[in-house]
mmCIF file of all heavy atoms, coordinates in Angstrom:
data_MODEL
# 
_entry.id   MODEL 
# 
loop_
_atom_site.group_PDB 
_atom_site.id 
_atom_site.type_symbol 
_atom_site.label_atom_id 
_atom_site.label_alt_id 
_atom_site.label_comp_id 
_atom_site.label_asym_id 
_atom_site.label_entity_id 
_atom_site.label_seq_id 
_atom_site.pdbx_PDB_ins_code 
_atom_site.Cartn_x 
_atom_site.Cartn_y 
_atom_site.Cartn_z 
_atom_site.occupancy 
_atom_site.B_iso_or_equiv 
_atom_site.pdbx_formal_charge 
_atom_site.auth_seq_id 
_atom_site.auth_comp_id 
_atom_site.auth_asym_id 
_atom_site.auth_atom_id 
_atom_site.pdbx_PDB_model_num 
ATOM 1   N N   . CYS A 1 1  ? -17.572 9.470  -24.761 1.00 0.00 ? 1  CYS A N   1 
ATOM 2   C CA  . CYS A 1 1  ? -17.398 9.460  -23.305 1.00 0.00 ? 1  CYS A CA  1 
ATOM 3   C C   . CYS A 1 1  ? -16.929 8.096  -22.829 1.00 0.00 ? 1  CYS A C   1 
ATOM 4   O O   . CYS A 1 1  ? -16.029 7.975  -21.996 1.00 0.00 ? 1  CYS A O   1 
ATOM 5   C CB  . CYS A 1 1  ? -18.711 9.823  -22.609 1.00 0.00 ? 1  CYS A CB  1 
ATOM 6   S SG  . CYS A 1 1  ? -19.192 11.551 -22.832 1.00 0.00 ? 1  CYS A SG  1 
ATOM 7   N N   . ALA A 1 2  ? -17.546 7.044  -23.337 1.00 0.00 ? 2  ALA A N   1 
ATOM 8   C CA  . ALA A 1 2  ? -17.191 5.684  -22.922 1.00 0.00 ? 2  ALA A CA  1 
ATOM 9   C C   . ALA A 1 2  ? -15.736 5.389  -23.234 1.00 0.00 ? 2  ALA A C   1 
ATOM 10  O O   . ALA A 1 2  ? -15.026 4.764  -22.444 1.00 0.00 ? 2  ALA A O   1 
ATOM 11  C CB  . ALA A 1 2  ? -18.102 4.671  -23.606 1.00 0.00 ? 2  ALA A CB  1 
ATOM 12  N N   . ALA A 1 3  ? -15.264 5.844  -24.407 1.00 0.00 ? 3  ALA A N   1 
ATOM 13  C CA  . ALA A 1 3  ? -13.866 5.602  -24.780 1.00 0.00 ? 3  ALA A CA  1 
ATOM 14  C C   . ALA A 1 3  ? -12.917 6.324  -23.842 1.00 0.00 ? 3  ALA A C   1 
ATOM 15  O O   . ALA A 1 3  ? -11.879 5.784  -23.433 1.00 0.00 ? 3  ALA A O   1 
ATOM 16  C CB  . ALA A 1 3  ? -13.637 6.057  -26.224 1.00 0.00 ? 3  ALA A CB  1 
ATOM 17  N N   . VAL A 1 4  ? -13.260 7.565  -23.461 1.00 0.00 ? 4  VAL A N   1 
ATOM 18  C CA  . VAL A 1 4  ? -12.408 8.332  -22.553 1.00 0.00 ? 4  VAL A CA  1 
ATOM 19  C C   . VAL A 1 4  ? -12.302 7.653  -21.202 1.00 0.00 ? 4  VAL A C   1 
ATOM 20  O O   . VAL A 1 4  ? -11.223 7.453  -20.642 1.00 0.00 ? 4  VAL A O   1 
ATOM 21  C CB  . VAL A 1 4  ? -12.952 9.769  -22.391 1.00 0.00 ? 4  VAL A CB  1 
ATOM 22  C CG1 . VAL A 1 4  ? -12.213 10.484 -21.261 1.00 0.00 ? 4  VAL A CG1 1 
ATOM 23  C CG2 . VAL A 1 4  ? -12.783 10.545 -23.681 1.00 0.00 ? 4  VAL A CG2 1 
ATOM 24  N N   . PHE A 1 5  ? -13.471 7.244  -20.651 1.00 0.00 ? 5  PHE A N   1 
ATOM 25  C CA  . PHE A 1 5  ? -13.472 6.657  -19.321 1.00 0.00 ? 5  PHE A CA  1 
ATOM 26  C C   . PHE A 1 5  ? -12.844 5.270  -19.315 1.00 0.00 ? 5  PHE A C   1 
ATOM 27  O O   . PHE A 1 5  ? -12.300 4.833  -18.314 1.00 0.00 ? 5  PHE A O   1 
ATOM 28  C CB  . PHE A 1 5  ? -14.895 6.604  -18.774 1.00 0.00 ? 5  PHE A CB  1 
ATOM 29  C CG  . PHE A 1 5  ? -15.486 7.978  -18.582 1.00 0.00 ? 5  PHE A CG  1 
ATOM 30  C CD1 . PHE A 1 5  ? -16.767 8.269  -19.007 1.00 0.00 ? 5  PHE A CD1 1 
ATOM 31  C CD2 . PHE A 1 5  ? -14.737 8.977  -17.986 1.00 0.00 ? 5  PHE A CD2 1 
ATOM 32  C CE1 . PHE A 1 5  ? -17.292 9.533  -18.823 1.00 0.00 ? 5  PHE A CE1 1 
ATOM 33  C CE2 . PHE A 1 5  ? -15.255 10.246 -17.805 1.00 0.00 ? 5  PHE A CE2 1 
ATOM 34  C CZ  . PHE A 1 5  ? -16.547 10.537 -18.224 1.00 0.00 ? 5  PHE A CZ  1 
ATOM 35  N N   . SER A 1 6  ? -12.922 4.564  -20.442 1.00 0.00 ? 6  SER A N   1 
ATOM 36  C CA  . SER A 1 6  ? -12.248 3.274  -20.528 1.00 0.00 ? 6  SER A CA  1 
ATOM 37  C C   . SER A 1 6  ? -10.743 3.454  -20.398 1.00 0.00 ? 6  SER A C   1 
ATOM 38  O O   . SER A 1 6  ? -10.056 2.675  -19.741 1.00 0.00 ? 6  SER A O   1 
ATOM 39  C CB  . SER A 1 6  ? -12.585 2.582  -21.851 1.00 0.00 ? 6  SER A CB  1 
ATOM 40  O OG  . SER A 1 6  ? -11.878 1.375  -21.980 1.00 0.00 ? 6  SER A OG  1 
ATOM 41  N N   . SER A 1 7  ? -10.227 4.521  -21.007 1.00 0.00 ? 7  SER A N   1 
ATOM 42  C CA  . SER A 1 7  ? -8.791  4.771  -20.902 1.00 0.00 ? 7  SER A CA  1 
ATOM 43  C C   . SER A 1 7  ? -8.417  5.185  -19.489 1.00 0.00 ? 7  SER A C   1 
ATOM 44  O O   . SER A 1 7  ? -7.329  4.856  -19.000 1.00 0.00 ? 7  SER A O   1 
ATOM 45  C CB  . SER A 1 7  ? -8.376  5.866  -21.889 1.00 0.00 ? 7  SER A CB  1 
ATOM 46  O OG  . SER A 1 7  ? -8.935  7.117  -21.515 1.00 0.00 ? 7  SER A OG  1 
ATOM 47  N N   . LEU A 1 8  ? -9.326  5.898  -18.788 1.00 0.00 ? 8  LEU A N   1 
ATOM 48  C CA  . LEU A 1 8  ? -9.037  6.301  -17.422 1.00 0.00 ? 8  LEU A CA  1 
ATOM 49  C C   . LEU A 1 8  ? -8.910  5.088  -16.509 1.00 0.00 ? 8  LEU A C   1 
ATOM 50  O O   . LEU A 1 8  ? -8.078  5.045  -15.616 1.00 0.00 ? 8  LEU A O   1 
ATOM 51  C CB  . LEU A 1 8  ? -10.147 7.228  -16.896 1.00 0.00 ? 8  LEU A CB  1 
ATOM 52  C CG  . LEU A 1 8  ? -10.223 8.625  -17.526 1.00 0.00 ? 8  LEU A CG  1 
ATOM 53  C CD1 . LEU A 1 8  ? -11.357 9.410  -16.886 1.00 0.00 ? 8  LEU A CD1 1 
ATOM 54  C CD2 . LEU A 1 8  ? -8.916  9.375  -17.357 1.00 0.00 ? 8  LEU A CD2 1 
ATOM 55  N N   . ARG A 1 9  ? -9.763  4.094  -16.717 1.00 0.00 ? 9  ARG A N   1 
ATOM 56  C CA  . ARG A 1 9  ? -9.733  2.906  -15.868 1.00 0.00 ? 9  ARG A CA  1 
ATOM 57  C C   . ARG A 1 9  ? -8.415  2.147  -16.017 1.00 0.00 ? 9  ARG A C   1 
ATOM 58  O O   . ARG A 1 9  ? -7.989  1.461  -15.111 1.00 0.00 ? 9  ARG A O   1 
ATOM 59  C CB  . ARG A 1 9  ? -10.892 1.972  -16.227 1.00 0.00 ? 9  ARG A CB  1 
ATOM 60  C CG  . ARG A 1 9  ? -12.239 2.442  -15.708 1.00 0.00 ? 9  ARG A CG  1 
ATOM 61  C CD  . ARG A 1 9  ? -13.216 1.277  -15.697 1.00 0.00 ? 9  ARG A CD  1 
ATOM 62  N NE  . ARG A 1 9  ? -14.532 1.701  -15.277 1.00 0.00 ? 9  ARG A NE  1 
ATOM 63  C CZ  . ARG A 1 9  ? -15.517 2.010  -16.099 1.00 0.00 ? 9  ARG A CZ  1 
ATOM 64  N NH1 . ARG A 1 9  ? -15.315 1.965  -17.393 1.00 0.00 ? 9  ARG A NH1 1 
ATOM 65  N NH2 . ARG A 1 9  ? -16.701 2.380  -15.646 1.00 0.00 ? 9  ARG A NH2 1 
ATOM 66  N N   . ARG A 1 10 ? -7.795  2.272  -17.179 1.00 0.00 ? 10 ARG A N   1 
ATOM 67  C CA  . ARG A 1 10 ? -6.550  1.540  -17.396 1.00 0.00 ? 10 ARG A CA  1 
ATOM 68  C C   . ARG A 1 10 ? -5.370  2.198  -16.700 1.00 0.00 ? 10 ARG A C   1 
ATOM 69  O O   . ARG A 1 10 ? -4.318  1.601  -16.565 1.00 0.00 ? 10 ARG A O   1 
ATOM 70  C CB  . ARG A 1 10 ? -6.265  1.421  -18.899 1.00 0.00 ? 10 ARG A CB  1 
ATOM 71  C CG  . ARG A 1 10 ? -7.197  0.476  -19.626 1.00 0.00 ? 10 ARG A CG  1 
ATOM 72  C CD  . ARG A 1 10 ? -6.650  0.120  -20.988 1.00 0.00 ? 10 ARG A CD  1 
ATOM 73  N NE  . ARG A 1 10 ? -6.583  1.264  -21.868 1.00 0.00 ? 10 ARG A NE  1 
ATOM 74  C CZ  . ARG A 1 10 ? -7.566  1.644  -22.686 1.00 0.00 ? 10 ARG A CZ  1 
ATOM 75  N NH1 . ARG A 1 10 ? -8.710  0.971  -22.703 1.00 0.00 ? 10 ARG A NH1 1 
ATOM 76  N NH2 . ARG A 1 10 ? -7.427  2.695  -23.468 1.00 0.00 ? 10 ARG A NH2 1 
ATOM 77  N N   . ARG A 1 11 ? -5.571  3.434  -16.241 1.00 0.00 ? 11 ARG A N   1 
ATOM 78  C CA  . ARG A 1 11 ? -4.496  4.143  -15.564 1.00 0.00 ? 11 ARG A CA  1 
ATOM 79  C C   . ARG A 1 11 ? -4.557  3.810  -14.078 1.00 0.00 ? 11 ARG A C   1 
ATOM 80  O O   . ARG A 1 11 ? -5.244  4.461  -13.303 1.00 0.00 ? 11 ARG A O   1 
ATOM 81  C CB  . ARG A 1 11 ? -4.627  5.650  -15.775 1.00 0.00 ? 11 ARG A CB  1 
ATOM 82  C CG  . ARG A 1 11 ? -4.435  6.089  -17.205 1.00 0.00 ? 11 ARG A CG  1 
ATOM 83  C CD  . ARG A 1 11 ? -4.638  7.581  -17.335 1.00 0.00 ? 11 ARG A CD  1 
ATOM 84  N NE  . ARG A 1 11 ? -3.713  8.313  -16.488 1.00 0.00 ? 11 ARG A NE  1 
ATOM 85  C CZ  . ARG A 1 11 ? -3.793  9.617  -16.269 1.00 0.00 ? 11 ARG A CZ  1 
ATOM 86  N NH1 . ARG A 1 11 ? -4.767  10.323 -16.805 1.00 0.00 ? 11 ARG A NH1 1 
ATOM 87  N NH2 . ARG A 1 11 ? -2.919  10.222 -15.493 1.00 0.00 ? 11 ARG A NH2 1 
ATOM 88  N N   . LYS A 1 12 ? -3.893  2.760  -13.687 1.00 0.00 ? 12 LYS A N   1 
ATOM 89  C CA  . LYS A 1 12 ? -3.964  2.302  -12.301 1.00 0.00 ? 12 LYS A CA  1 
ATOM 90  C C   . LYS A 1 12 ? -2.880  2.969  -11.464 1.00 0.00 ? 12 LYS A C   1 
ATOM 91  O O   . LYS A 1 12 ? -1.732  3.054  -11.859 1.00 0.00 ? 12 LYS A O   1 
ATOM 92  C CB  . LYS A 1 12 ? -3.816  0.787  -12.239 1.00 0.00 ? 12 LYS A CB  1 
ATOM 93  C CG  . LYS A 1 12 ? -4.976  0.043  -12.890 1.00 0.00 ? 12 LYS A CG  1 
ATOM 94  C CD  . LYS A 1 12 ? -4.794  -1.444 -12.740 1.00 0.00 ? 12 LYS A CD  1 
ATOM 95  C CE  . LYS A 1 12 ? -5.975  -2.191 -13.362 1.00 0.00 ? 12 LYS A CE  1 
ATOM 96  N NZ  . LYS A 1 12 ? -5.830  -3.648 -13.242 1.00 0.00 ? 12 LYS A NZ  1 
ATOM 97  N N   . SER A 1 13 ? -3.267  3.420  -10.298 1.00 0.00 ? 13 SER A N   1 
ATOM 98  C CA  . SER A 1 13 ? -2.323  3.999  -9.365  1.00 0.00 ? 13 SER A CA  1 
ATOM 99  C C   . SER A 1 13 ? -1.946  2.952  -8.330  1.00 0.00 ? 13 SER A C   1 
ATOM 100 O O   . SER A 1 13 ? -2.814  2.251  -7.819  1.00 0.00 ? 13 SER A O   1 
ATOM 101 C CB  . SER A 1 13 ? -2.951  5.208  -8.672  1.00 0.00 ? 13 SER A CB  1 
ATOM 102 O OG  . SER A 1 13 ? -2.233  5.536  -7.516  1.00 0.00 ? 13 SER A OG  1 
ATOM 103 N N   . PRO A 1 14 ? -0.675  2.841  -7.978  1.00 0.00 ? 14 PRO A N   1 
ATOM 104 C CA  . PRO A 1 14 ? -0.296  1.858  -6.958  1.00 0.00 ? 14 PRO A CA  1 
ATOM 105 C C   . PRO A 1 14 ? -0.908  2.171  -5.603  1.00 0.00 ? 14 PRO A C   1 
ATOM 106 O O   . PRO A 1 14 ? -1.035  1.305  -4.760  1.00 0.00 ? 14 PRO A O   1 
ATOM 107 C CB  . PRO A 1 14 ? 1.229   1.964  -6.916  1.00 0.00 ? 14 PRO A CB  1 
ATOM 108 C CG  . PRO A 1 14 ? 1.531   3.322  -7.462  1.00 0.00 ? 14 PRO A CG  1 
ATOM 109 C CD  . PRO A 1 14 ? 0.473   3.592  -8.480  1.00 0.00 ? 14 PRO A CD  1 
ATOM 110 N N   . LEU A 1 15 ? -1.296  3.432  -5.404  1.00 0.00 ? 15 LEU A N   1 
ATOM 111 C CA  . LEU A 1 15 ? -1.892  3.816  -4.134  1.00 0.00 ? 15 LEU A CA  1 
ATOM 112 C C   . LEU A 1 15 ? -3.393  3.590  -4.112  1.00 0.00 ? 15 LEU A C   1 
ATOM 113 O O   . LEU A 1 15 ? -3.954  3.097  -3.138  1.00 0.00 ? 15 LEU A O   1 
ATOM 114 C CB  . LEU A 1 15 ? -1.591  5.292  -3.860  1.00 0.00 ? 15 LEU A CB  1 
ATOM 115 C CG  . LEU A 1 15 ? -2.265  5.900  -2.626  1.00 0.00 ? 15 LEU A CG  1 
ATOM 116 C CD1 . LEU A 1 15 ? -1.780  5.206  -1.365  1.00 0.00 ? 15 LEU A CD1 1 
ATOM 117 C CD2 . LEU A 1 15 ? -1.980  7.387  -2.549  1.00 0.00 ? 15 LEU A CD2 1 
ATOM 118 N N   . LEU A 1 16 ? -4.056  3.911  -5.192  1.00 0.00 ? 16 LEU A N   1 
ATOM 119 C CA  . LEU A 1 16 ? -5.512  3.929  -5.188  1.00 0.00 ? 16 LEU A CA  1 
ATOM 120 C C   . LEU A 1 16 ? -6.149  2.644  -5.668  1.00 0.00 ? 16 LEU A C   1 
ATOM 121 O O   . LEU A 1 16 ? -7.277  2.345  -5.324  1.00 0.00 ? 16 LEU A O   1 
ATOM 122 C CB  . LEU A 1 16 ? -6.011  5.099  -6.058  1.00 0.00 ? 16 LEU A CB  1 
ATOM 123 C CG  . LEU A 1 16 ? -5.489  6.475  -5.637  1.00 0.00 ? 16 LEU A CG  1 
ATOM 124 C CD1 . LEU A 1 16 ? -5.994  7.539  -6.578  1.00 0.00 ? 16 LEU A CD1 1 
ATOM 125 C CD2 . LEU A 1 16 ? -5.893  6.782  -4.215  1.00 0.00 ? 16 LEU A CD2 1 
ATOM 126 N N   . GLY A 1 17 ? -5.487  1.893  -6.513  1.00 0.00 ? 17 GLY A N   1 
ATOM 127 C CA  . GLY A 1 17 ? -6.061  0.644  -7.002  1.00 0.00 ? 17 GLY A CA  1 
ATOM 128 C C   . GLY A 1 17 ? -7.181  0.885  -7.991  1.00 0.00 ? 17 GLY A C   1 
ATOM 129 O O   . GLY A 1 17 ? -7.322  1.954  -8.579  1.00 0.00 ? 17 GLY A O   1 
ATOM 130 N N   . ALA A 1 18 ? -8.018  -0.123 -8.188  1.00 0.00 ? 18 ALA A N   1 
ATOM 131 C CA  . ALA A 1 18 ? -9.122  -0.051 -9.140  1.00 0.00 ? 18 ALA A CA  1 
ATOM 132 C C   . ALA A 1 18 ? -10.444 -0.095 -8.388  1.00 0.00 ? 18 ALA A C   1 
ATOM 133 O O   . ALA A 1 18 ? -10.619 -0.875 -7.458  1.00 0.00 ? 18 ALA A O   1 
ATOM 134 C CB  . ALA A 1 18 ? -9.049  -1.210 -10.123 1.00 0.00 ? 18 ALA A CB  1 
ATOM 135 N N   . PHE A 1 19 ? -11.387 0.776  -8.769  1.00 0.00 ? 19 PHE A N   1 
ATOM 136 C CA  . PHE A 1 19 ? -12.689 0.840  -8.122  1.00 0.00 ? 19 PHE A CA  1 
ATOM 137 C C   . PHE A 1 19 ? -13.774 0.854  -9.194  1.00 0.00 ? 19 PHE A C   1 
ATOM 138 O O   . PHE A 1 19 ? -13.541 1.247  -10.344 1.00 0.00 ? 19 PHE A O   1 
ATOM 139 C CB  . PHE A 1 19 ? -12.798 2.095  -7.248  1.00 0.00 ? 19 PHE A CB  1 
ATOM 140 C CG  . PHE A 1 19 ? -11.753 2.162  -6.174  1.00 0.00 ? 19 PHE A CG  1 
ATOM 141 C CD1 . PHE A 1 19 ? -10.581 2.875  -6.374  1.00 0.00 ? 19 PHE A CD1 1 
ATOM 142 C CD2 . PHE A 1 19 ? -11.922 1.498  -4.983  1.00 0.00 ? 19 PHE A CD2 1 
ATOM 143 C CE1 . PHE A 1 19 ? -9.609  2.932  -5.402  1.00 0.00 ? 19 PHE A CE1 1 
ATOM 144 C CE2 . PHE A 1 19 ? -10.961 1.541  -3.997  1.00 0.00 ? 19 PHE A CE2 1 
ATOM 145 C CZ  . PHE A 1 19 ? -9.795  2.266  -4.203  1.00 0.00 ? 19 PHE A CZ  1 
ATOM 146 N N   . TYR A 1 20 ? -14.969 0.466  -8.766  1.00 0.00 ? 20 TYR A N   1 
ATOM 147 C CA  . TYR A 1 20 ? -16.091 0.377  -9.695  1.00 0.00 ? 20 TYR A CA  1 
ATOM 148 C C   . TYR A 1 20 ? -17.323 1.019  -9.076  1.00 0.00 ? 20 TYR A C   1 
ATOM 149 O O   . TYR A 1 20 ? -17.524 0.966  -7.862  1.00 0.00 ? 20 TYR A O   1 
ATOM 150 C CB  . TYR A 1 20 ? -16.398 -1.086 -10.030 1.00 0.00 ? 20 TYR A CB  1 
ATOM 151 C CG  . TYR A 1 20 ? -15.225 -1.828 -10.608 1.00 0.00 ? 20 TYR A CG  1 
ATOM 152 C CD1 . TYR A 1 20 ? -14.325 -2.494 -9.779  1.00 0.00 ? 20 TYR A CD1 1 
ATOM 153 C CD2 . TYR A 1 20 ? -14.990 -1.843 -11.981 1.00 0.00 ? 20 TYR A CD2 1 
ATOM 154 C CE1 . TYR A 1 20 ? -13.229 -3.159 -10.297 1.00 0.00 ? 20 TYR A CE1 1 
ATOM 155 C CE2 . TYR A 1 20 ? -13.900 -2.510 -12.512 1.00 0.00 ? 20 TYR A CE2 1 
ATOM 156 C CZ  . TYR A 1 20 ? -13.026 -3.160 -11.670 1.00 0.00 ? 20 TYR A CZ  1 
ATOM 157 O OH  . TYR A 1 20 ? -11.940 -3.813 -12.190 1.00 0.00 ? 20 TYR A OH  1 
ATOM 158 N N   . THR A 1 21 ? -18.134 1.623  -9.946  1.00 0.00 ? 21 THR A N   1 
ATOM 159 C CA  . THR A 1 21 ? -19.395 2.189  -9.494  1.00 0.00 ? 21 THR A CA  1 
ATOM 160 C C   . THR A 1 21 ? -20.391 1.068  -9.245  1.00 0.00 ? 21 THR A C   1 
ATOM 161 O O   . THR A 1 21 ? -20.524 0.169  -10.074 1.00 0.00 ? 21 THR A O   1 
ATOM 162 C CB  . THR A 1 21 ? -19.969 3.142  -10.553 1.00 0.00 ? 21 THR A CB  1 
ATOM 163 O OG1 . THR A 1 21 ? -18.977 4.101  -10.896 1.00 0.00 ? 21 THR A OG1 1 
ATOM 164 C CG2 . THR A 1 21 ? -21.202 3.853  -10.026 1.00 0.00 ? 21 THR A CG2 1 
ATOM 165 N N   . PRO A 1 22 ? -21.090 1.080  -8.107  1.00 0.00 ? 22 PRO A N   1 
ATOM 166 C CA  . PRO A 1 22 ? -22.122 0.064  -7.885  1.00 0.00 ? 22 PRO A CA  1 
ATOM 167 C C   . PRO A 1 22 ? -23.114 0.029  -9.033  1.00 0.00 ? 22 PRO A C   1 
ATOM 168 O O   . PRO A 1 22 ? -23.664 1.058  -9.439  1.00 0.00 ? 22 PRO A O   1 
ATOM 169 C CB  . PRO A 1 22 ? -22.786 0.514  -6.579  1.00 0.00 ? 22 PRO A CB  1 
ATOM 170 C CG  . PRO A 1 22 ? -21.721 1.298  -5.869  1.00 0.00 ? 22 PRO A CG  1 
ATOM 171 C CD  . PRO A 1 22 ? -20.942 1.985  -6.957  1.00 0.00 ? 22 PRO A CD  1 
ATOM 172 N N   . SER A 1 23 ? -23.348 -1.145 -9.581  1.00 0.00 ? 23 SER A N   1 
ATOM 173 C CA  . SER A 1 23 ? -24.174 -1.272 -10.786 1.00 0.00 ? 23 SER A CA  1 
ATOM 174 C C   . SER A 1 23 ? -25.637 -0.939 -10.540 1.00 0.00 ? 23 SER A C   1 
ATOM 175 O O   . SER A 1 23 ? -26.367 -0.620 -11.474 1.00 0.00 ? 23 SER A O   1 
ATOM 176 C CB  . SER A 1 23 ? -24.054 -2.696 -11.341 1.00 0.00 ? 23 SER A CB  1 
ATOM 177 O OG  . SER A 1 23 ? -24.449 -3.632 -10.353 1.00 0.00 ? 23 SER A OG  1 
ATOM 178 N N   . ASP A 1 24 ? -26.095 -1.000 -9.279  1.00 0.00 ? 24 ASP A N   1 
ATOM 179 C CA  . ASP A 1 24 ? -27.512 -0.773 -9.006  1.00 0.00 ? 24 ASP A CA  1 
ATOM 180 C C   . ASP A 1 24 ? -27.839 0.690  -8.756  1.00 0.00 ? 24 ASP A C   1 
ATOM 181 O O   . ASP A 1 24 ? -28.979 1.028  -8.434  1.00 0.00 ? 24 ASP A O   1 
ATOM 182 C CB  . ASP A 1 24 ? -27.952 -1.602 -7.799  1.00 0.00 ? 24 ASP A CB  1 
ATOM 183 C CG  . ASP A 1 24 ? -27.126 -1.281 -6.558  1.00 0.00 ? 24 ASP A CG  1 
ATOM 184 O OD1 . ASP A 1 24 ? -26.016 -0.739 -6.722  1.00 0.00 ? 24 ASP A OD1 1 
ATOM 185 O OD2 . ASP A 1 24 ? -27.591 -1.576 -5.441  1.00 0.00 ? 24 ASP A OD2 1 
ATOM 186 N N   . LEU A 1 25 ? -26.843 1.588  -8.900  1.00 0.00 ? 25 LEU A N   1 
ATOM 187 C CA  . LEU A 1 25 ? -27.082 3.008  -8.673  1.00 0.00 ? 25 LEU A CA  1 
ATOM 188 C C   . LEU A 1 25 ? -27.313 3.727  -9.999  1.00 0.00 ? 25 LEU A C   1 
ATOM 189 O O   . LEU A 1 25 ? -26.552 3.564  -10.944 1.00 0.00 ? 25 LEU A O   1 
ATOM 190 C CB  . LEU A 1 25 ? -25.893 3.650  -7.955  1.00 0.00 ? 25 LEU A CB  1 
ATOM 191 C CG  . LEU A 1 25 ? -25.690 3.274  -6.478  1.00 0.00 ? 25 LEU A CG  1 
ATOM 192 C CD1 . LEU A 1 25 ? -24.512 4.038  -5.915  1.00 0.00 ? 25 LEU A CD1 1 
ATOM 193 C CD2 . LEU A 1 25 ? -26.936 3.559  -5.658  1.00 0.00 ? 25 LEU A CD2 1 
# 
């Protein structure tokens, strides 16, 4: 799962940018 989601994060959209889940949730 971690490998799949790591690849998803690398797919940046010019519209959406990069986002992160709040670490305290």
